[in-house]
Amino acid sequence: MPTCSFCKKNYEFPRGLTFFTIDGKTVYFCSSKCKRNLALKRDPKKTNWVKRVKKLKGKIEVEKEIEEKQVEVKESSKKEIKEKVKKDAGVEEGVEDDD
C-alpha cells in the first residue's frame, strides 16, 4: 500500500498516480490535488487539509494501539483466571483428601 508523497496518506494501489523521476525515485500521489500542490511547491506542513489528514491518521493509530492493549489485558486476565481456577481446584482437592 503506497503512501502519498505530499500528504502521507495511505491509499489503495489501483488508485492514485505514480511518477518516476529521472534520477530513479518513485513519487506517489493519492490525487491530482496532491500532485498540483507539490508542483506549486507548497509546503504540506502549512496546508490545512494535510494537517487534518495527519491528525485523523494519528487518531486512528492511537485507537489501534488502545485496542491492542485492551486485547493484551484481556488475554493476560484470562491467563490469570485460569491459573487461579487451577490453584483453587488443587486446594479443594487437597482439602477433600485430608477428610
PDB file of N, CA and C in Angstrom:
ATOM      1  N   MET A   1       0.848  -1.164   0.000  1.00  0.00           N
ATOM      2  CA  MET A   1       0.000   0.000   0.000  1.00  0.00           C
ATOM      3  C   MET A   1       0.901   1.237   0.000  1.00  0.00           C
ATOM      4  N   PRO A   2       0.889   2.002  -1.097  1.00  0.00           N
ATOM      5  CA  PRO A   2       1.755   3.185  -1.169  1.00  0.00           C
ATOM      6  C   PRO A   2       1.220   4.335  -0.317  1.00  0.00           C
ATOM      7  N   THR A   3       2.125   5.223   0.042  1.00  0.00           N
ATOM      8  CA  THR A   3       1.732   6.433   0.760  1.00  0.00           C
ATOM      9  C   THR A   3       2.006   7.634  -0.126  1.00  0.00           C
ATOM     10  N   CYS A   4       1.138   8.594  -0.059  1.00  0.00           N
ATOM     11  CA  CYS A   4       1.254   9.794  -0.880  1.00  0.00           C
ATOM     12  C   CYS A   4       2.508  10.569  -0.483  1.00  0.00           C
ATOM     13  N   SER A   5       3.247  11.042  -1.473  1.00  0.00           N
ATOM     14  CA  SER A   5       4.478  11.789  -1.202  1.00  0.00           C
ATOM     15  C   SER A   5       4.187  13.185  -0.658  1.00  0.00           C
ATOM     16  N   PHE A   6       2.992  13.684  -0.863  1.00  0.00           N
ATOM     17  CA  PHE A   6       2.661  15.022  -0.377  1.00  0.00           C
ATOM     18  C   PHE A   6       1.975  14.994   0.983  1.00  0.00           C
ATOM     19  N   CYS A   7       0.870  14.251   1.093  1.00  0.00           N
ATOM     20  CA  CYS A   7       0.089  14.298   2.336  1.00  0.00           C
ATOM     21  C   CYS A   7       0.329  13.101   3.252  1.00  0.00           C
ATOM     22  N   LYS A   8       1.115  12.127   2.816  1.00  0.00           N
ATOM     23  CA  LYS A   8       1.486  10.939   3.611  1.00  0.00           C
ATOM     24  C   LYS A   8       0.280  10.063   3.943  1.00  0.00           C
ATOM     25  N   LYS A   9      -0.736  10.100   3.101  1.00  0.00           N
ATOM     26  CA  LYS A   9      -1.942   9.297   3.307  1.00  0.00           C
ATOM     27  C   LYS A   9      -1.771   7.949   2.610  1.00  0.00           C
ATOM     28  N   ASN A  10      -2.165   6.870   3.266  1.00  0.00           N
ATOM     29  CA  ASN A  10      -2.150   5.555   2.643  1.00  0.00           C
ATOM     30  C   ASN A  10      -3.356   5.426   1.721  1.00  0.00           C
ATOM     31  N   TYR A  11      -3.144   4.819   0.567  1.00  0.00           N
ATOM     32  CA  TYR A  11      -4.255   4.613  -0.359  1.00  0.00           C
ATOM     33  C   TYR A  11      -4.072   3.291  -1.074  1.00  0.00           C
ATOM     34  N   GLU A  12      -5.166   2.794  -1.648  1.00  0.00           N
ATOM     35  CA  GLU A  12      -5.150   1.520  -2.361  1.00  0.00           C
ATOM     36  C   GLU A  12      -4.344   1.654  -3.646  1.00  0.00           C
ATOM     37  N   PHE A  13      -3.735   0.566  -4.083  1.00  0.00           N
ATOM     38  CA  PHE A  13      -2.825   0.611  -5.218  1.00  0.00           C
ATOM     39  C   PHE A  13      -3.455   1.018  -6.545  1.00  0.00           C
ATOM     40  N   PRO A  14      -4.601   0.521  -6.960  1.00  0.00           N
ATOM     41  CA  PRO A  14      -5.066   0.915  -8.290  1.00  0.00           C
ATOM     42  C   PRO A  14      -5.453   2.387  -8.386  1.00  0.00           C
ATOM     43  N   ARG A  15      -5.580   3.051  -7.291  1.00  0.00           N
ATOM     44  CA  ARG A  15      -5.937   4.472  -7.314  1.00  0.00           C
ATOM     45  C   ARG A  15      -4.665   5.316  -7.267  1.00  0.00           C
ATOM     46  N   GLY A  16      -4.813   6.577  -7.555  1.00  0.00           N
ATOM     47  CA  GLY A  16      -3.695   7.499  -7.426  1.00  0.00           C
ATOM     48  C   GLY A  16      -2.787   7.521  -8.641  1.00  0.00           C
ATOM     49  N   LEU A  17      -1.714   8.282  -8.510  1.00  0.00           N
ATOM     50  CA  LEU A  17      -0.753   8.474  -9.593  1.00  0.00           C
ATOM     51  C   LEU A  17       0.637   8.065  -9.129  1.00  0.00           C
ATOM     52  N   THR A  18       1.392   7.473 -10.033  1.00  0.00           N
ATOM     53  CA  THR A  18       2.766   7.091  -9.724  1.00  0.00           C
ATOM     54  C   THR A  18       3.670   7.705 -10.769  1.00  0.00           C
ATOM     55  N   PHE A  19       4.694   8.416 -10.324  1.00  0.00           N
ATOM     56  CA  PHE A  19       5.655   9.032 -11.230  1.00  0.00           C
ATOM     57  C   PHE A  19       7.045   8.538 -10.904  1.00  0.00           C
ATOM     58  N   PHE A  20       7.847   8.383 -11.948  1.00  0.00           N
ATOM     59  CA  PHE A  20       9.237   8.000 -11.785  1.00  0.00           C
ATOM     60  C   PHE A  20      10.092   9.154 -12.278  1.00  0.00           C
ATOM     61  N   THR A  21      10.948   9.670 -11.412  1.00  0.00           N
ATOM     62  CA  THR A  21      11.787  10.800 -11.773  1.00  0.00           C
ATOM     63  C   THR A  21      13.002  10.329 -12.565  1.00  0.00           C
ATOM     64  N   ILE A  22      13.717  11.262 -13.142  1.00  0.00           N
ATOM     65  CA  ILE A  22      14.882  10.937 -13.967  1.00  0.00           C
ATOM     66  C   ILE A  22      15.956  10.240 -13.139  1.00  0.00           C
ATOM     67  N   ASP A  23      16.092  10.620 -11.878  1.00  0.00           N
ATOM     68  CA  ASP A  23      17.126  10.014 -11.029  1.00  0.00           C
ATOM     69  C   ASP A  23      16.677   8.676 -10.432  1.00  0.00           C
ATOM     70  N   GLY A  24      15.496   8.172 -10.811  1.00  0.00           N
ATOM     71  CA  GLY A  24      15.065   6.838 -10.406  1.00  0.00           C
ATOM     72  C   GLY A  24      14.179   6.788  -9.177  1.00  0.00           C
ATOM     73  N   LYS A  25      13.826   7.905  -8.625  1.00  0.00           N
ATOM     74  CA  LYS A  25      12.942   7.921  -7.460  1.00  0.00           C
ATOM     75  C   LYS A  25      11.492   7.709  -7.898  1.00  0.00           C
ATOM     76  N   THR A  26      10.726   7.083  -7.030  1.00  0.00           N
ATOM     77  CA  THR A  26       9.307   6.881  -7.288  1.00  0.00           C
ATOM     78  C   THR A  26       8.522   7.849  -6.422  1.00  0.00           C
ATOM     79  N   VAL A  27       7.622   8.579  -7.047  1.00  0.00           N
ATOM     80  CA  VAL A  27       6.811   9.560  -6.344  1.00  0.00           C
ATOM     81  C   VAL A  27       5.349   9.135  -6.484  1.00  0.00           C
ATOM     82  N   TYR A  28       4.673   8.974  -5.333  1.00  0.00           N
ATOM     83  CA  TYR A  28       3.278   8.549  -5.319  1.00  0.00           C
ATOM     84  C   TYR A  28       2.395   9.720  -4.933  1.00  0.00           C
ATOM     85  N   PHE A  29       1.245   9.815  -5.594  1.00  0.00           N
ATOM     86  CA  PHE A  29       0.249  10.818  -5.254  1.00  0.00           C
ATOM     87  C   PHE A  29      -1.103  10.134  -5.122  1.00  0.00           C
ATOM     88  N   CYS A  30      -1.851  10.453  -4.071  1.00  0.00           N
ATOM     89  CA  CYS A  30      -3.175   9.856  -3.885  1.00  0.00           C
ATOM     90  C   CYS A  30      -4.217  10.538  -4.758  1.00  0.00           C
ATOM     91  N   SER A  31      -3.944  11.780  -5.179  1.00  0.00           N
ATOM     92  CA  SER A  31      -4.893  12.509  -6.026  1.00  0.00           C
ATOM     93  C   SER A  31      -4.145  13.560  -6.837  1.00  0.00           C
ATOM     94  N   SER A  32      -4.833  14.115  -7.815  1.00  0.00           N
ATOM     95  CA  SER A  32      -4.229  15.174  -8.615  1.00  0.00           C
ATOM     96  C   SER A  32      -4.067  16.445  -7.777  1.00  0.00           C
ATOM     97  N   LYS A  33      -4.850  16.566  -6.729  1.00  0.00           N
ATOM     98  CA  LYS A  33      -4.738  17.707  -5.815  1.00  0.00           C
ATOM     99  C   LYS A  33      -3.346  17.740  -5.183  1.00  0.00           C
ATOM    100  N   CYS A  34      -2.884  16.563  -4.739  1.00  0.00           N
ATOM    101  CA  CYS A  34      -1.549  16.482  -4.137  1.00  0.00           C
ATOM    102  C   CYS A  34      -0.473  16.759  -5.176  1.00  0.00           C
ATOM    103  N   LYS A  35      -0.671  16.263  -6.380  1.00  0.00           N
ATOM    104  CA  LYS A  35       0.299  16.484  -7.464  1.00  0.00           C
ATOM    105  C   LYS A  35       0.430  17.971  -7.783  1.00  0.00           C
ATOM    106  N   ARG A  36      -0.706  18.662  -7.896  1.00  0.00           N
ATOM    107  CA  ARG A  36      -0.689  20.095  -8.206  1.00  0.00           C
ATOM    108  C   ARG A  36      -0.036  20.899  -7.090  1.00  0.00           C
ATOM    109  N   ASN A  37      -0.340  20.548  -5.841  1.00  0.00           N
ATOM    110  CA  ASN A  37       0.237  21.283  -4.719  1.00  0.00           C
ATOM    111  C   ASN A  37       1.745  21.097  -4.653  1.00  0.00           C
ATOM    112  N   LEU A  38       2.241  19.906  -4.966  1.00  0.00           N
ATOM    113  CA  LEU A  38       3.690  19.694  -4.992  1.00  0.00           C
ATOM    114  C   LEU A  38       4.321  20.437  -6.159  1.00  0.00           C
ATOM    115  N   ALA A  39       3.633  20.476  -7.300  1.00  0.00           N
ATOM    116  CA  ALA A  39       4.136  21.207  -8.469  1.00  0.00           C
ATOM    117  C   ALA A  39       4.201  22.707  -8.188  1.00  0.00           C
ATOM    118  N   LEU A  40       3.276  23.195  -7.369  1.00  0.00           N
ATOM    119  CA  LEU A  40       3.281  24.601  -6.983  1.00  0.00           C
ATOM    120  C   LEU A  40       4.262  24.883  -5.848  1.00  0.00           C
ATOM    121  N   LYS A  41       4.978  23.835  -5.421  1.00  0.00           N
ATOM    122  CA  LYS A  41       5.997  23.915  -4.365  1.00  0.00           C
ATOM    123  C   LYS A  41       5.422  24.403  -3.039  1.00  0.00           C
ATOM    124  N   ARG A  42       4.246  23.904  -2.733  1.00  0.00           N
ATOM    125  CA  ARG A  42       3.627  24.237  -1.452  1.00  0.00           C
ATOM    126  C   ARG A  42       4.150  23.299  -0.383  1.00  0.00           C
ATOM    127  N   ASP A  43       4.224  23.821   0.819  1.00  0.00           N
ATOM    128  CA  ASP A  43       4.699  23.040   1.956  1.00  0.00           C
ATOM    129  C   ASP A  43       3.531  22.291   2.582  1.00  0.00           C
ATOM    130  N   PRO A  44       3.601  20.954   2.672  1.00  0.00           N
ATOM    131  CA  PRO A  44       2.477  20.213   3.256  1.00  0.00           C
ATOM    132  C   PRO A  44       2.209  20.575   4.716  1.00  0.00           C
ATOM    133  N   LYS A  45       3.221  21.030   5.414  1.00  0.00           N
ATOM    134  CA  LYS A  45       3.047  21.401   6.824  1.00  0.00           C
ATOM    135  C   LYS A  45       2.151  22.624   6.976  1.00  0.00           C
ATOM    136  N   LYS A  46       2.141  23.466   5.965  1.00  0.00           N
ATOM    137  CA  LYS A  46       1.357  24.697   6.046  1.00  0.00           C
ATOM    138  C   LYS A  46      -0.032  24.570   5.421  1.00  0.00           C
ATOM    139  N   THR A  47      -0.317  23.429   4.814  1.00  0.00           N
ATOM    140  CA  THR A  47      -1.602  23.220   4.160  1.00  0.00           C
ATOM    141  C   THR A  47      -2.585  22.645   5.180  1.00  0.00           C
ATOM    142  N   ASN A  48      -3.719  23.309   5.350  1.00  0.00           N
ATOM    143  CA  ASN A  48      -4.675  22.922   6.389  1.00  0.00           C
ATOM    144  C   ASN A  48      -5.245  21.525   6.189  1.00  0.00           C
ATOM    145  N   TRP A  49      -5.575  21.161   4.966  1.00  0.00           N
ATOM    146  CA  TRP A  49      -6.203  19.860   4.749  1.00  0.00           C
ATOM    147  C   TRP A  49      -5.230  18.715   4.997  1.00  0.00           C
ATOM    148  N   VAL A  50      -3.950  18.936   4.806  1.00  0.00           N
ATOM    149  CA  VAL A  50      -2.958  17.894   5.116  1.00  0.00           C
ATOM    150  C   VAL A  50      -2.852  17.726   6.623  1.00  0.00           C
ATOM    151  N   LYS A  51      -2.938  18.820   7.350  1.00  0.00           N
ATOM    152  CA  LYS A  51      -2.896  18.747   8.811  1.00  0.00           C
ATOM    153  C   LYS A  51      -4.049  17.900   9.323  1.00  0.00           C
ATOM    154  N   ARG A  52      -5.239  18.074   8.721  1.00  0.00           N
ATOM    155  CA  ARG A  52      -6.402  17.289   9.140  1.00  0.00           C
ATOM    156  C   ARG A  52      -6.208  15.809   8.857  1.00  0.00           C
ATOM    157  N   VAL A  53      -5.639  15.494   7.694  1.00  0.00           N
ATOM    158  CA  VAL A  53      -5.400  14.094   7.337  1.00  0.00           C
ATOM    159  C   VAL A  53      -4.432  13.463   8.326  1.00  0.00           C
ATOM    160  N   LYS A  54      -3.359  14.172   8.648  1.00  0.00           N
ATOM    161  CA  LYS A  54      -2.380  13.648   9.600  1.00  0.00           C
ATOM    162  C   LYS A  54      -2.998  13.486  10.980  1.00  0.00           C
ATOM    163  N   LYS A  55      -3.848  14.418  11.375  1.00  0.00           N
ATOM    164  CA  LYS A  55      -4.494  14.353  12.681  1.00  0.00           C
ATOM    165  C   LYS A  55      -5.399  13.128  12.755  1.00  0.00           C
ATOM    166  N   LEU A  56      -6.186  12.894  11.700  1.00  0.00           N
ATOM    167  CA  LEU A  56      -7.055  11.720  11.660  1.00  0.00           C
ATOM    168  C   LEU A  56      -6.235  10.442  11.659  1.00  0.00           C
ATOM    169  N   LYS A  57      -5.155  10.443  10.901  1.00  0.00           N
ATOM    170  CA  LYS A  57      -4.292   9.267  10.838  1.00  0.00           C
ATOM    171  C   LYS A  57      -3.709   8.974  12.212  1.00  0.00           C
ATOM    172  N   GLY A  58      -3.299  10.015  12.923  1.00  0.00           N
ATOM    173  CA  GLY A  58      -2.771   9.846  14.271  1.00  0.00           C
ATOM    174  C   GLY A  58      -3.812   9.299  15.221  1.00  0.00           C
ATOM    175  N   LYS A  59      -5.046   9.797  15.103  1.00  0.00           N
ATOM    176  CA  LYS A  59      -6.125   9.314  15.966  1.00  0.00           C
ATOM    177  C   LYS A  59      -6.401   7.846  15.693  1.00  0.00           C
ATOM    178  N   ILE A  60      -6.383   7.467  14.426  1.00  0.00           N
ATOM    179  CA  ILE A  60      -6.643   6.074  14.064  1.00  0.00           C
ATOM    180  C   ILE A  60      -5.556   5.178  14.629  1.00  0.00           C
ATOM    181  N   GLU A  61      -4.304   5.611  14.523  1.00  0.00           N
ATOM    182  CA  GLU A  61      -3.197   4.819  15.056  1.00  0.00           C
ATOM    183  C   GLU A  61      -3.299   4.694  16.575  1.00  0.00           C
ATOM    184  N   VAL A  62      -3.678   5.766  17.242  1.00  0.00           N
ATOM    185  CA  VAL A  62      -3.829   5.731  18.693  1.00  0.00           C
ATOM    186  C   VAL A  62      -4.946   4.767  19.078  1.00  0.00           C
ATOM    187  N   GLU A  63      -6.060   4.810  18.327  1.00  0.00           N
ATOM    188  CA  GLU A  63      -7.166   3.896  18.607  1.00  0.00           C
ATOM    189  C   GLU A  63      -6.736   2.443  18.424  1.00  0.00           C
ATOM    190  N   LYS A  64      -5.940   2.160  17.395  1.00  0.00           N
ATOM    191  CA  LYS A  64      -5.451   0.798  17.167  1.00  0.00           C
ATOM    192  C   LYS A  64      -4.573   0.344  18.326  1.00  0.00           C
ATOM    193  N   GLU A  65      -3.702   1.232  18.807  1.00  0.00           N
ATOM    194  CA  GLU A  65      -2.838   0.901  19.937  1.00  0.00           C
ATOM    195  C   GLU A  65      -3.677   0.601  21.183  1.00  0.00           C
ATOM    196  N   ILE A  66      -4.714   1.393  21.410  1.00  0.00           N
ATOM    197  CA  ILE A  66      -5.576   1.177  22.575  1.00  0.00           C
ATOM    198  C   ILE A  66      -6.273  -0.174  22.465  1.00  0.00           C
ATOM    199  N   GLU A  67      -6.764  -0.504  21.266  1.00  0.00           N
ATOM    200  CA  GLU A  67      -7.426  -1.793  21.071  1.00  0.00           C
ATOM    201  C   GLU A  67      -6.455  -2.943  21.313  1.00  0.00           C
ATOM    202  N   GLU A  68      -5.211  -2.811  20.836  1.00  0.00           N
ATOM    203  CA  GLU A  68      -4.212  -3.857  21.039  1.00  0.00           C
ATOM    204  C   GLU A  68      -3.922  -4.036  22.526  1.00  0.00           C
ATOM    205  N   LYS A  69      -3.816  -2.938  23.257  1.00  0.00           N
ATOM    206  CA  LYS A  69      -3.572  -3.020  24.694  1.00  0.00           C
ATOM    207  C   LYS A  69      -4.734  -3.687  25.410  1.00  0.00           C
ATOM    208  N   GLN A  70      -5.959  -3.375  24.985  1.00  0.00           N
ATOM    209  CA  GLN A  70      -7.126  -3.988  25.605  1.00  0.00           C
ATOM    210  C   GLN A  70      -7.140  -5.483  25.359  1.00  0.00           C
ATOM    211  N   VAL A  71      -6.752  -5.904  24.153  1.00  0.00           N
ATOM    212  CA  VAL A  71      -6.702  -7.332  23.838  1.00  0.00           C
ATOM    213  C   VAL A  71      -5.644  -8.013  24.700  1.00  0.00           C
ATOM    214  N   GLU A  72      -4.492  -7.363  24.865  1.00  0.00           N
ATOM    215  CA  GLU A  72      -3.431  -7.918  25.702  1.00  0.00           C
ATOM    216  C   GLU A  72      -3.903  -8.066  27.144  1.00  0.00           C
ATOM    217  N   VAL A  73      -4.610  -7.068  27.646  1.00  0.00           N
ATOM    218  CA  VAL A  73      -5.112  -7.110  29.013  1.00  0.00           C
ATOM    219  C   VAL A  73      -6.120  -8.242  29.164  1.00  0.00           C
ATOM    220  N   LYS A  74      -6.993  -8.394  28.188  1.00  0.00           N
ATOM    221  CA  LYS A  74      -7.983  -9.460  28.246  1.00  0.00           C
ATOM    222  C   LYS A  74      -7.304 -10.822  28.245  1.00  0.00           C
ATOM    223  N   GLU A  75      -6.284 -10.995  27.393  1.00  0.00           N
ATOM    224  CA  GLU A  75      -5.580 -12.269  27.323  1.00  0.00           C
ATOM    225  C   GLU A  75      -4.854 -12.557  28.635  1.00  0.00           C
ATOM    226  N   SER A  76      -4.196 -11.525  29.188  1.00  0.00           N
ATOM    227  CA  SER A  76      -3.477 -11.736  30.441  1.00  0.00           C
ATOM    228  C   SER A  76      -4.455 -12.020  31.584  1.00  0.00           C
ATOM    229  N   SER A  77      -5.610 -11.358  31.574  1.00  0.00           N
ATOM    230  CA  SER A  77      -6.594 -11.617  32.634  1.00  0.00           C
ATOM    231  C   SER A  77      -7.167 -13.023  32.499  1.00  0.00           C
ATOM    232  N   LYS A  78      -7.335 -13.510  31.274  1.00  0.00           N
ATOM    233  CA  LYS A  78      -7.813 -14.876  31.075  1.00  0.00           C
ATOM    234  C   LYS A  78      -6.813 -15.876  31.634  1.00  0.00           C
ATOM    235  N   LYS A  79      -5.521 -15.601  31.389  1.00  0.00           N
ATOM    236  CA  LYS A  79      -4.474 -16.487  31.906  1.00  0.00           C
ATOM    237  C   LYS A  79      -4.485 -16.492  33.429  1.00  0.00           C
ATOM    238  N   GLU A  80      -4.624 -15.313  34.041  1.00  0.00           N
ATOM    239  CA  GLU A  80      -4.656 -15.209  35.496  1.00  0.00           C
ATOM    240  C   GLU A  80      -5.862 -15.952  36.066  1.00  0.00           C
ATOM    241  N   ILE A  81      -6.997 -15.836  35.412  1.00  0.00           N
ATOM    242  CA  ILE A  81      -8.204 -16.515  35.891  1.00  0.00           C
ATOM    243  C   ILE A  81      -8.015 -18.027  35.819  1.00  0.00           C
ATOM    244  N   LYS A  82      -7.438 -18.505  34.714  1.00  0.00           N
ATOM    245  CA  LYS A  82      -7.204 -19.942  34.574  1.00  0.00           C
ATOM    246  C   LYS A  82      -6.257 -20.455  35.661  1.00  0.00           C
ATOM    247  N   GLU A  83      -5.200 -19.671  35.940  1.00  0.00           N
ATOM    248  CA  GLU A  83      -4.257 -20.059  36.987  1.00  0.00           C
ATOM    249  C   GLU A  83      -4.947 -20.101  38.354  1.00  0.00           C
ATOM    250  N   LYS A  84      -5.783 -19.120  38.635  1.00  0.00           N
ATOM    251  CA  LYS A  84      -6.500 -19.087  39.913  1.00  0.00           C
ATOM    252  C   LYS A  84      -7.434 -20.282  40.029  1.00  0.00           C
ATOM    253  N   VAL A  85      -8.109 -20.613  38.940  1.00  0.00           N
ATOM    254  CA  VAL A  85      -9.032 -21.754  38.955  1.00  0.00           C
ATOM    255  C   VAL A  85      -8.254 -23.032  39.218  1.00  0.00           C
ATOM    256  N   LYS A  86      -7.090 -23.179  38.572  1.00  0.00           N
ATOM    257  CA  LYS A  86      -6.273 -24.367  38.785  1.00  0.00           C
ATOM    258  C   LYS A  86      -5.797 -24.445  40.236  1.00  0.00           C
ATOM    259  N   LYS A  87      -5.371 -23.311  40.788  1.00  0.00           N
ATOM    260  CA  LYS A  87      -4.918 -23.284  42.180  1.00  0.00           C
ATOM    261  C   LYS A  87      -6.070 -23.619  43.118  1.00  0.00           C
ATOM    262  N   ASP A  88      -7.240 -23.016  42.865  1.00  0.00           N
ATOM    263  CA  ASP A  88      -8.413 -23.286  43.699  1.00  0.00           C
ATOM    264  C   ASP A  88      -8.815 -24.754  43.606  1.00  0.00           C
ATOM    265  N   ALA A  89      -8.750 -25.314  42.419  1.00  0.00           N
ATOM    266  CA  ALA A  89      -9.103 -26.725  42.243  1.00  0.00           C
ATOM    267  C   ALA A  89      -8.107 -27.608  42.985  1.00  0.00           C
ATOM    268  N   GLY A  90      -6.835 -27.250  42.951  1.00  0.00           N
ATOM    269  CA  GLY A  90      -5.816 -28.004  43.671  1.00  0.00           C
ATOM    270  C   GLY A  90      -6.004 -27.911  45.166  1.00  0.00           C
ATOM    271  N   VAL A  91      -6.367 -26.748  45.675  1.00  0.00           N
ATOM    272  CA  VAL A  91      -6.600 -26.560  47.110  1.00  0.00           C
ATOM    273  C   VAL A  91      -7.832 -27.352  47.532  1.00  0.00           C
ATOM    274  N   GLU A  92      -8.895 -27.323  46.734  1.00  0.00           N
ATOM    275  CA  GLU A  92     -10.106 -28.059  47.077  1.00  0.00           C
ATOM    276  C   GLU A  92      -9.850 -29.551  47.074  1.00  0.00           C
ATOM    277  N   GLU A  93      -9.058 -30.026  46.102  1.00  0.00           N
ATOM    278  CA  GLU A  93      -8.743 -31.443  46.058  1.00  0.00           C
ATOM    279  C   GLU A  93      -7.909 -31.845  47.269  1.00  0.00           C
ATOM    280  N   GLY A  94      -6.993 -30.964  47.667  1.00  0.00           N
ATOM    281  CA  GLY A  94      -6.170 -31.240  48.840  1.00  0.00           C
ATOM    282  C   GLY A  94      -7.003 -31.295  50.095  1.00  0.00           C
ATOM    283  N   VAL A  95      -8.002 -30.438  50.217  1.00  0.00           N
ATOM    284  CA  VAL A  95      -8.882 -30.415  51.375  1.00  0.00           C
ATOM    285  C   VAL A  95      -9.709 -31.687  51.423  1.00  0.00           C
ATOM    286  N   GLU A  96     -10.203 -32.125  50.282  1.00  0.00           N
ATOM    287  CA  GLU A  96     -11.035 -33.324  50.223  1.00  0.00           C
ATOM    288  C   GLU A  96     -10.221 -34.564  50.577  1.00  0.00           C
ATOM    289  N   ASP A  97      -8.923 -34.586  50.218  1.00  0.00           N
ATOM    290  CA  ASP A  97      -8.091 -35.726  50.517  1.00  0.00           C
ATOM    291  C   ASP A  97      -7.841 -35.826  52.014  1.00  0.00           C
ATOM    292  N   ASP A  98      -7.757 -34.706  52.747  1.00  0.00           N
ATOM    293  CA  ASP A  98      -7.498 -34.714  54.172  1.00  0.00           C
ATOM    294  C   ASP A  98      -8.695 -35.261  54.954  1.00  0.00           C
ATOM    295  N   ASP A  99      -9.908 -35.092  54.484  1.00  0.00           N
ATOM    296  CA  ASP A  99     -11.086 -35.532  55.224  1.00  0.00           C
ATOM    297  C   ASP A  99     -11.234 -36.977  55.220  1.00  0.00           C
TER     298      ASP A  99
END
